[in-house]
Amino acid sequence: MSDPIHKPSDKSADKIEIVEPPLRLRRAVELAYAVEGVVGARVWQSDNIIAIGIRAAPNASPNDLLRRVAIAVASLREPEEKWEFGLLDEA
């Protein structure tokens, strides 16, 4: 499951409002995790760009994994959106 989005609240600089990501983005993370060889996944959205980062299992081919994740989430894409895929660092 993806992490909640943390953003400063307008009410106070000391408080943080926790906003759940949209259902479609949560579903994208679920679909990414369902791909064999994915051991970590994160999703970000900015305007009409959605980025998915994955962490590959040691025995998985990163390029093949990125291709299979892109196929797995293809049904979630809207025509005006740009989707990007990449690998997460181990750190």
Protein backbone atom coordinates (compact mmCIF):
# COMPACT_ATOMS: atom_id res chain seq x y z
CA MET A 1 0.00 0.00 0.00
CA SER A 2 1.30 3.49 -0.71
CA ASP A 3 2.16 5.94 2.01
CA PRO A 4 -0.32 8.70 2.85
CA ILE A 5 0.49 12.10 1.43
CA HIS A 6 1.75 14.53 4.08
CA LYS A 7 1.26 18.20 3.43
CA PRO A 8 1.35 21.29 5.63
CA SER A 9 -2.03 22.38 6.92
CA ASP A 10 -3.20 25.94 6.29
CA LYS A 11 -4.34 26.15 9.92
CA SER A 12 -0.90 26.05 11.48
CA ALA A 13 2.69 25.70 10.37
CA ASP A 14 3.20 23.12 13.14
CA LYS A 15 0.43 20.74 12.02
CA ILE A 16 0.54 18.33 9.11
CA GLU A 17 -2.58 17.16 7.35
CA ILE A 18 -2.56 13.55 6.20
CA VAL A 19 -4.32 13.03 2.87
CA GLU A 20 -4.93 9.57 1.46
CA PRO A 21 -3.83 9.16 -2.16
CA PRO A 22 -6.57 8.75 -4.75
CA LEU A 23 -7.95 5.25 -5.21
CA ARG A 24 -6.49 4.98 -8.71
CA LEU A 25 -2.96 5.63 -7.42
CA ARG A 26 -3.39 3.13 -4.60
CA ARG A 27 -4.56 0.61 -7.19
CA ALA A 28 -1.47 1.33 -9.30
CA VAL A 29 0.75 0.40 -6.34
CA GLU A 30 -1.27 -2.77 -5.73
CA LEU A 31 -0.91 -3.77 -9.39
CA ALA A 32 2.83 -3.06 -9.31
CA TYR A 33 3.27 -5.28 -6.23
CA ALA A 34 1.33 -8.04 -7.99
CA VAL A 35 4.04 -8.30 -10.65
CA GLU A 36 6.40 -11.15 -9.81
CA GLY A 37 9.82 -9.78 -8.87
CA VAL A 38 8.62 -6.44 -7.44
CA VAL A 39 9.64 -6.10 -3.79
CA GLY A 40 8.91 -2.37 -3.39
CA ALA A 41 6.75 0.23 -5.11
CA ARG A 42 5.97 3.93 -4.75
CA VAL A 43 3.81 6.27 -6.80
CA TRP A 44 3.89 10.05 -7.26
CA GLN A 45 1.56 12.42 -9.09
CA SER A 46 2.24 15.94 -10.29
CA ASP A 47 -0.21 17.65 -12.63
CA ASN A 48 -0.74 15.18 -15.51
CA ILE A 49 2.37 13.10 -14.77
CA ILE A 50 2.28 9.91 -12.74
CA ALA A 51 5.54 8.21 -11.80
CA ILE A 52 5.93 4.70 -10.45
CA GLY A 53 9.17 3.60 -8.85
CA ILE A 54 9.83 -0.05 -8.17
CA ARG A 55 12.44 -2.04 -6.30
CA ALA A 56 13.35 -5.31 -8.01
CA ALA A 57 14.09 -8.64 -6.36
CA PRO A 58 17.77 -9.62 -6.72
CA ASN A 59 16.96 -12.32 -9.26
CA ALA A 60 14.69 -10.12 -11.43
CA SER A 61 15.67 -8.37 -14.64
CA PRO A 62 15.03 -4.63 -14.00
CA ASN A 63 14.22 -3.79 -17.64
CA ASP A 64 11.77 -6.67 -17.98
CA LEU A 65 10.21 -5.79 -14.63
CA LEU A 66 9.64 -2.16 -15.66
CA ARG A 67 7.99 -3.35 -18.87
CA ARG A 68 5.70 -5.77 -17.00
CA VAL A 69 4.69 -3.12 -14.43
CA ALA A 70 3.85 -0.69 -17.27
CA ILE A 71 1.63 -3.36 -18.81
CA ALA A 72 0.00 -4.16 -15.45
CA VAL A 73 -1.09 -0.55 -14.83
CA ALA A 74 -1.99 0.32 -18.44
CA SER A 75 -5.74 0.05 -17.76
CA LEU A 76 -5.51 2.90 -15.21
CA ARG A 77 -4.09 5.45 -17.65
CA GLU A 78 -6.08 8.45 -18.80
CA PRO A 79 -5.41 9.71 -22.36
CA GLU A 80 -4.02 13.11 -21.28
CA GLU A 81 -1.60 11.67 -18.70
CA LYS A 82 2.08 10.85 -19.02
CA TRP A 83 3.27 7.85 -16.99
CA GLU A 84 6.93 7.31 -16.12
CA PHE A 85 8.56 4.21 -14.64
CA GLY A 86 11.87 3.82 -12.87
CA LEU A 87 13.85 1.89 -10.31
CA LEU A 88 14.10 2.86 -6.63
CA ASP A 89 17.50 2.97 -4.95
CA GLU A 90 18.29 0.41 -2.26
CA ALA A 91 19.07 3.11 0.32
